[in-house]
Amino acid sequence: MNYFIYILLNILLPIFIQIFLGYIIKKVTNFNNKPLAVIQLYIIIPALLFVSMYNAKIDRSIAIKISLHSIMIFILLYILSVIISKIFKYNKTTSSSFSNSICLYNSGNFCLPLVQILYNNPIAVSVQIVIMTVQSIVTNTVGIYSVSAGKKNVKQGIVEIMKVPMIYCIVLALLLRGMEINVAKPILNALNSLGSAMVPVALISLGAQLAETKYSFKMPKVYFSNFIRLVISPILAYGLVLLLGLKGMAAEIAVISSSAPTAVNAVLLAIQYDSDPEFASQAVFFSTIISSISVTFVIFLVVGRL
């Protein structure tokens, strides 16, 4: 119990304090958080990605297993969401939004800061970045295809993700490292400085996005979605870790990451394609709040035990 409280107070509470600050500032000032999101997407995350992949010595076999784990957990959750949607006879828009609320989780704004605080290790960050990259591809292909109901195909989704600089930063970092080309120290220092801003900016941005969410306690399917996202997902992830033979820190991160709350992208996609945005907003809001306890419990169970 003491260790559980320690995790809650020293790992999760600092994260939620920063989220709460973003929430309060948004409510008080109603600032436009779009520029913050743009800075994060095009400057801070690419800088962190480049530095992490350039410096870290993540084993190729581990990277492959982590990627495979992320893909497999997505497939299992997607199949589960489709089965549930058919059982409860959700309409097409609710069904697609329900699938995204379960399959798309916050591997960036939430998990990256969490892993940085929890491990303070560049290899740990690299493992989470591999997971985030897979999630980005899934979000911009299957996620878009799911809510667009045929308006946008997978090929167009791939074109969309190719416009985002994250992939190019990863490829460039791996290429330079593989060719043993040294990056000039002023450039590396600048990128390190930018990447260090990831934790506060990401969490404040998440809080600001949550402040725009309208919430209600009268949507039972939201809690069903939250239960699968926060409880069933890490259980499945644990089983896949054993199946793939992942061990140590990489295995822990794979399970912890799978317990993250629903991604804000699920709301953005639902709004863009008019696919039950009210449900998506509720799923993101409540899963983020509940995750303060559920993620603490997952960390308590897996850290040092895999």
Protein backbone atom coordinates (compact mmCIF):
# COMPACT_ATOMS: atom_id res chain seq x y z
CA MET A 1 0.00 0.00 0.00
CA ASN A 2 2.86 2.39 0.79
CA TYR A 3 4.32 1.81 -2.68
CA PHE A 4 0.89 2.40 -4.27
CA ILE A 5 0.57 5.74 -2.45
CA TYR A 6 4.15 6.62 -3.41
CA ILE A 7 3.36 6.05 -7.13
CA LEU A 8 0.13 8.03 -6.86
CA LEU A 9 1.76 11.00 -5.12
CA ASN A 10 5.15 11.08 -6.88
CA ILE A 11 4.39 9.85 -10.41
CA LEU A 12 0.72 10.45 -11.21
CA LEU A 13 -0.04 13.50 -9.05
CA PRO A 14 2.63 15.73 -10.71
CA ILE A 15 1.12 14.78 -14.08
CA PHE A 16 -2.43 15.61 -13.03
CA ILE A 17 -1.39 18.88 -11.37
CA GLN A 18 -0.04 20.06 -14.73
CA ILE A 19 -3.17 18.82 -16.54
CA PHE A 20 -5.30 20.68 -13.96
CA LEU A 21 -3.29 23.89 -14.49
CA GLY A 22 -3.96 23.68 -18.23
CA TYR A 23 -7.64 23.08 -17.50
CA ILE A 24 -7.90 26.09 -15.14
CA ILE A 25 -5.96 28.46 -17.39
CA LYS A 26 -8.19 27.52 -20.33
CA LYS A 27 -11.34 28.09 -18.26
CA VAL A 28 -10.11 31.44 -16.91
CA THR A 29 -8.50 32.97 -20.01
CA ASN A 30 -10.09 30.91 -22.81
CA PHE A 31 -6.79 31.11 -24.68
CA ASN A 32 -6.47 29.57 -28.13
CA ASN A 33 -4.70 26.28 -27.53
CA LYS A 34 -4.31 25.52 -31.25
CA PRO A 35 -0.91 27.35 -31.52
CA LEU A 36 0.27 25.33 -28.51
CA ALA A 37 -0.75 22.12 -30.26
CA VAL A 38 1.02 23.23 -33.45
CA ILE A 39 4.25 24.04 -31.57
CA GLN A 40 4.04 20.68 -29.84
CA LEU A 41 3.37 18.74 -33.05
CA TYR A 42 5.90 20.47 -35.31
CA ILE A 43 8.71 21.48 -32.93
CA ILE A 44 8.75 19.91 -29.46
CA ILE A 45 7.78 16.30 -30.25
CA PRO A 46 10.00 16.12 -33.39
CA ALA A 47 12.94 17.46 -31.33
CA LEU A 48 12.34 14.90 -28.60
CA LEU A 49 11.93 12.12 -31.17
CA PHE A 50 15.17 13.02 -32.93
CA VAL A 51 17.26 13.28 -29.76
CA SER A 52 15.80 10.11 -28.25
CA MET A 53 16.30 8.00 -31.37
CA TYR A 54 19.74 9.48 -32.09
CA ASN A 55 21.09 8.90 -28.57
CA ALA A 56 19.31 5.76 -27.43
CA LYS A 57 20.66 2.29 -28.11
CA ILE A 58 17.35 0.45 -28.33
CA ASP A 59 17.79 -3.11 -29.56
CA ARG A 60 16.25 -3.76 -32.98
CA SER A 61 14.56 -6.98 -31.83
CA ILE A 62 12.95 -5.12 -28.93
CA ALA A 63 11.73 -2.37 -31.27
CA ILE A 64 10.18 -5.02 -33.54
CA LYS A 65 8.51 -6.80 -30.61
CA ILE A 66 7.18 -3.51 -29.21
CA SER A 67 5.75 -2.56 -32.61
CA LEU A 68 4.20 -6.01 -33.00
CA HIS A 69 2.75 -5.76 -29.49
CA SER A 70 1.14 -2.40 -30.29
CA ILE A 71 -0.37 -3.72 -33.52
CA MET A 72 -1.68 -6.89 -31.88
CA ILE A 73 -3.28 -5.04 -28.96
CA PHE A 74 -4.98 -2.72 -31.44
CA ILE A 75 -6.36 -5.65 -33.45
CA LEU A 76 -7.69 -7.42 -30.34
CA LEU A 77 -9.34 -4.26 -29.02
CA TYR A 78 -10.84 -3.45 -32.42
CA ILE A 79 -12.35 -6.94 -32.73
CA LEU A 80 -13.72 -6.63 -29.19
CA SER A 81 -15.24 -3.22 -29.94
CA VAL A 82 -16.95 -4.52 -33.10
CA ILE A 83 -18.42 -7.50 -31.23
CA ILE A 84 -19.74 -5.25 -28.44
CA SER A 85 -21.20 -2.77 -30.95
CA LYS A 86 -23.10 -5.59 -32.65
CA ILE A 87 -24.34 -7.03 -29.35
CA PHE A 88 -25.71 -3.67 -28.19
CA LYS A 89 -26.78 -2.68 -31.71
CA TYR A 90 -24.96 0.65 -31.82
CA ASN A 91 -25.58 2.66 -34.98
CA LYS A 92 -22.74 3.14 -37.45
CA THR A 93 -21.49 6.48 -36.11
CA THR A 94 -21.59 5.41 -32.46
CA SER A 95 -19.95 2.10 -33.35
CA SER A 96 -17.01 3.77 -35.10
CA SER A 97 -16.57 6.31 -32.30
CA PHE A 98 -16.80 3.52 -29.71
CA SER A 99 -14.03 1.58 -31.51
CA ASN A 100 -11.75 4.63 -31.56
CA SER A 101 -12.40 5.37 -27.88
CA ILE A 102 -11.08 1.91 -27.04
CA CYS A 103 -8.31 1.48 -29.63
CA LEU A 104 -6.79 4.98 -29.71
CA TYR A 105 -5.04 5.84 -26.46
CA ASN A 106 -3.00 8.83 -25.32
CA SER A 107 0.50 7.52 -26.09
CA GLY A 108 1.86 11.07 -26.57
CA ASN A 109 0.53 13.80 -24.27
CA PHE A 110 -0.02 11.37 -21.39
CA CYS A 111 2.37 8.42 -21.82
CA LEU A 112 5.53 10.25 -22.87
CA PRO A 113 5.58 12.49 -19.78
CA LEU A 114 4.61 9.50 -17.63
CA VAL A 115 7.50 7.37 -18.94
CA GLN A 116 9.95 10.27 -18.59
CA ILE A 117 8.96 10.85 -14.96
CA LEU A 118 8.73 7.15 -14.09
CA TYR A 119 12.01 5.96 -15.62
CA ASN A 120 14.11 9.06 -16.43
CA ASN A 121 15.87 6.91 -19.02
CA PRO A 122 16.42 7.71 -22.74
CA ILE A 123 15.91 4.07 -23.71
CA ALA A 124 12.55 4.06 -21.92
CA VAL A 125 11.55 7.18 -23.87
CA SER A 126 12.66 5.47 -27.10
CA VAL A 127 10.45 2.46 -26.33
CA GLN A 128 7.48 4.78 -25.75
CA ILE A 129 8.26 6.65 -28.97
CA VAL A 130 8.08 3.38 -30.91
CA ILE A 131 4.63 2.80 -29.36
CA MET A 132 3.59 6.39 -30.12
CA THR A 133 4.71 6.04 -33.75
CA VAL A 134 2.60 2.90 -34.23
CA GLN A 135 -0.35 4.66 -32.60
CA SER A 136 0.12 7.67 -34.90
CA ILE A 137 0.00 5.42 -37.95
CA VAL A 138 -3.08 3.63 -36.61
CA THR A 139 -4.83 6.92 -35.80
CA ASN A 140 -4.16 8.44 -39.20
CA THR A 141 -5.19 5.34 -41.15
CA VAL A 142 -7.61 2.97 -39.43
CA GLY A 143 -8.87 5.67 -37.04
CA ILE A 144 -9.74 8.04 -39.88
CA TYR A 145 -11.20 5.25 -42.02
CA SER A 146 -13.34 4.07 -39.10
CA VAL A 147 -15.08 7.41 -38.46
CA SER A 148 -15.21 8.62 -42.05
CA ALA A 149 -17.57 5.81 -43.11
CA GLY A 150 -15.97 5.52 -46.52
CA LYS A 151 -15.33 9.25 -47.04
CA LYS A 152 -11.60 8.73 -46.69
CA ASN A 153 -9.63 5.58 -47.45
CA VAL A 154 -6.54 4.10 -45.83
CA LYS A 155 -4.28 5.36 -48.62
CA GLN A 156 -5.41 8.93 -47.98
CA GLY A 157 -4.79 8.38 -44.27
CA ILE A 158 -1.21 7.37 -45.01
CA VAL A 159 -0.78 10.51 -47.12
CA GLU A 160 -1.99 12.57 -44.13
CA ILE A 161 0.53 11.05 -41.73
CA MET A 162 3.34 11.64 -44.24
CA LYS A 163 2.71 15.37 -43.77
CA VAL A 164 3.64 15.14 -40.08
CA PRO A 165 7.37 15.67 -39.31
CA MET A 166 7.66 12.96 -36.62
CA ILE A 167 8.40 10.13 -39.05
CA TYR A 168 11.08 12.13 -40.87
CA CYS A 169 12.80 12.95 -37.57
CA ILE A 170 12.91 9.29 -36.62
CA VAL A 171 14.26 8.23 -40.02
CA LEU A 172 16.85 11.03 -40.05
CA ALA A 173 18.03 10.21 -36.51
CA LEU A 174 18.37 6.50 -37.30
CA LEU A 175 20.15 7.28 -40.58
CA LEU A 176 22.67 9.63 -38.95
CA ARG A 177 23.27 7.18 -36.11
CA GLY A 178 23.66 4.26 -38.52
CA MET A 179 26.16 6.20 -40.64
CA GLU A 180 27.95 7.39 -37.47
CA ILE A 181 27.54 11.04 -38.46
CA ASN A 182 27.92 13.41 -35.51
CA VAL A 183 25.35 16.17 -35.15
CA ALA A 184 26.87 19.56 -34.33
CA LYS A 185 26.77 20.20 -30.59
CA PRO A 186 24.85 23.55 -30.81
CA ILE A 187 22.12 21.81 -32.84
CA LEU A 188 21.96 18.86 -30.46
CA ASN A 189 21.83 21.18 -27.44
CA ALA A 190 19.02 23.17 -29.01
CA LEU A 191 17.04 20.01 -29.77
CA ASN A 192 17.65 18.73 -26.22
CA SER A 193 16.33 21.99 -24.81
CA LEU A 194 13.23 21.87 -27.01
CA GLY A 195 12.58 18.22 -26.18
CA SER A 196 12.78 18.93 -22.44
CA ALA A 197 9.69 21.13 -22.81
CA MET A 198 7.61 18.09 -23.76
CA VAL A 199 6.28 17.24 -20.30
CA PRO A 200 4.75 20.60 -19.23
CA VAL A 201 3.59 21.64 -22.70
CA ALA A 202 1.96 18.27 -23.43
CA LEU A 203 0.15 18.11 -20.10
CA ILE A 204 -0.99 21.73 -20.12
CA SER A 205 -2.24 21.23 -23.67
CA LEU A 206 -4.14 18.10 -22.60
CA GLY A 207 -5.73 20.00 -19.72
CA ALA A 208 -6.77 22.81 -22.07
CA GLN A 209 -8.34 20.30 -24.46
CA LEU A 210 -10.24 18.64 -21.61
CA ALA A 211 -11.55 22.05 -20.54
CA GLU A 212 -13.41 22.25 -23.85
CA THR A 213 -15.16 18.93 -23.19
CA LYS A 214 -18.79 18.92 -22.16
CA TYR A 215 -19.48 16.09 -19.77
CA SER A 216 -22.51 14.20 -18.54
CA PHE A 217 -23.00 11.24 -16.18
CA LYS A 218 -25.87 9.79 -18.21
CA MET A 219 -24.05 7.78 -20.89
CA PRO A 220 -23.52 4.16 -19.71
CA LYS A 221 -21.60 3.21 -22.85
CA VAL A 222 -18.94 5.74 -21.84
CA TYR A 223 -18.19 3.78 -18.68
CA PHE A 224 -18.19 0.56 -20.69
CA SER A 225 -15.64 2.11 -23.04
CA ASN A 226 -13.56 3.32 -20.07
CA PHE A 227 -13.60 -0.14 -18.48
CA ILE A 228 -12.26 -1.78 -21.64
CA ARG A 229 -9.67 0.98 -22.22
CA LEU A 230 -8.36 1.16 -18.65
CA VAL A 231 -8.83 -2.42 -17.39
CA ILE A 232 -9.24 -4.93 -20.22
CA SER A 233 -6.56 -3.34 -22.42
CA PRO A 234 -3.67 -3.72 -19.92
CA ILE A 235 -4.79 -7.29 -19.16
CA LEU A 236 -4.60 -8.13 -22.87
CA ALA A 237 -1.29 -6.27 -23.11
CA TYR A 238 0.12 -8.35 -20.25
CA GLY A 239 -0.87 -11.56 -22.03
CA LEU A 240 0.77 -10.39 -25.26
CA VAL A 241 3.96 -9.45 -23.39
CA LEU A 242 4.20 -13.03 -22.16
CA LEU A 243 3.39 -14.38 -25.63
CA LEU A 244 6.06 -12.28 -27.35
CA GLY A 245 8.67 -12.92 -24.67
CA LEU A 246 9.14 -9.25 -23.82
CA LYS A 247 10.88 -8.68 -20.49
CA GLY A 248 12.15 -5.91 -18.26
CA MET A 249 11.56 -2.20 -18.84
CA ALA A 250 10.23 -2.64 -22.38
CA ALA A 251 7.58 -5.09 -21.17
CA GLU A 252 6.59 -2.79 -18.31
CA ILE A 253 6.21 0.20 -20.63
CA ALA A 254 4.16 -1.84 -23.11
CA VAL A 255 1.65 -2.77 -20.40
CA ILE A 256 1.61 0.66 -18.70
CA SER A 257 1.14 2.45 -22.03
CA SER A 258 -1.78 0.18 -22.91
CA SER A 259 -3.56 1.35 -19.74
CA ALA A 260 -3.52 5.01 -20.83
CA PRO A 261 -6.78 6.98 -21.24
CA THR A 262 -8.52 7.52 -24.57
CA ALA A 263 -6.65 9.83 -26.94
CA VAL A 264 -7.98 13.34 -27.59
CA ASN A 265 -7.61 12.45 -31.27
CA ALA A 266 -10.71 10.27 -30.87
CA VAL A 267 -12.69 13.47 -30.22
CA LEU A 268 -11.05 15.41 -33.04
CA LEU A 269 -11.84 12.65 -35.54
CA ALA A 270 -15.41 12.32 -34.26
CA ILE A 271 -15.97 16.08 -34.64
CA GLN A 272 -14.34 16.23 -38.06
CA TYR A 273 -16.47 13.39 -39.43
CA ASP A 274 -19.61 13.99 -37.31
CA SER A 275 -19.29 10.56 -35.72
CA ASP A 276 -20.94 10.92 -32.28
CA PRO A 277 -18.54 13.58 -30.92
CA GLU A 278 -20.50 13.87 -27.65
CA PHE A 279 -19.76 10.24 -26.78
CA ALA A 280 -16.09 10.61 -27.79
CA SER A 281 -15.71 13.71 -25.59
CA GLN A 282 -17.20 11.90 -22.60
CA ALA A 283 -14.93 8.89 -23.16
CA VAL A 284 -11.79 11.06 -23.21
CA PHE A 285 -12.78 13.17 -20.21
CA PHE A 286 -13.80 10.37 -17.85
CA SER A 287 -11.03 7.96 -18.90
CA THR A 288 -8.45 10.67 -18.16
CA ILE A 289 -9.90 11.33 -14.70
CA ILE A 290 -10.27 7.63 -13.79
CA SER A 291 -6.78 6.84 -15.10
CA SER A 292 -5.26 8.68 -12.13
CA ILE A 293 -6.14 5.60 -10.06
CA SER A 294 -6.17 2.84 -12.68
CA VAL A 295 -2.76 3.69 -14.17
CA THR A 296 -1.29 3.96 -10.66
CA PHE A 297 -2.58 0.46 -9.97
CA VAL A 298 -1.09 -0.91 -13.23
CA ILE A 299 2.30 0.67 -12.45
CA PHE A 300 2.11 -0.82 -8.96
CA LEU A 301 1.48 -4.29 -10.43
CA VAL A 302 4.05 -4.38 -13.25
CA VAL A 303 7.12 -2.29 -12.34
CA GLY A 304 9.89 -4.61 -11.22
CA ARG A 305 7.79 -7.70 -11.90
CA LEU A 306 8.24 -8.33 -15.65
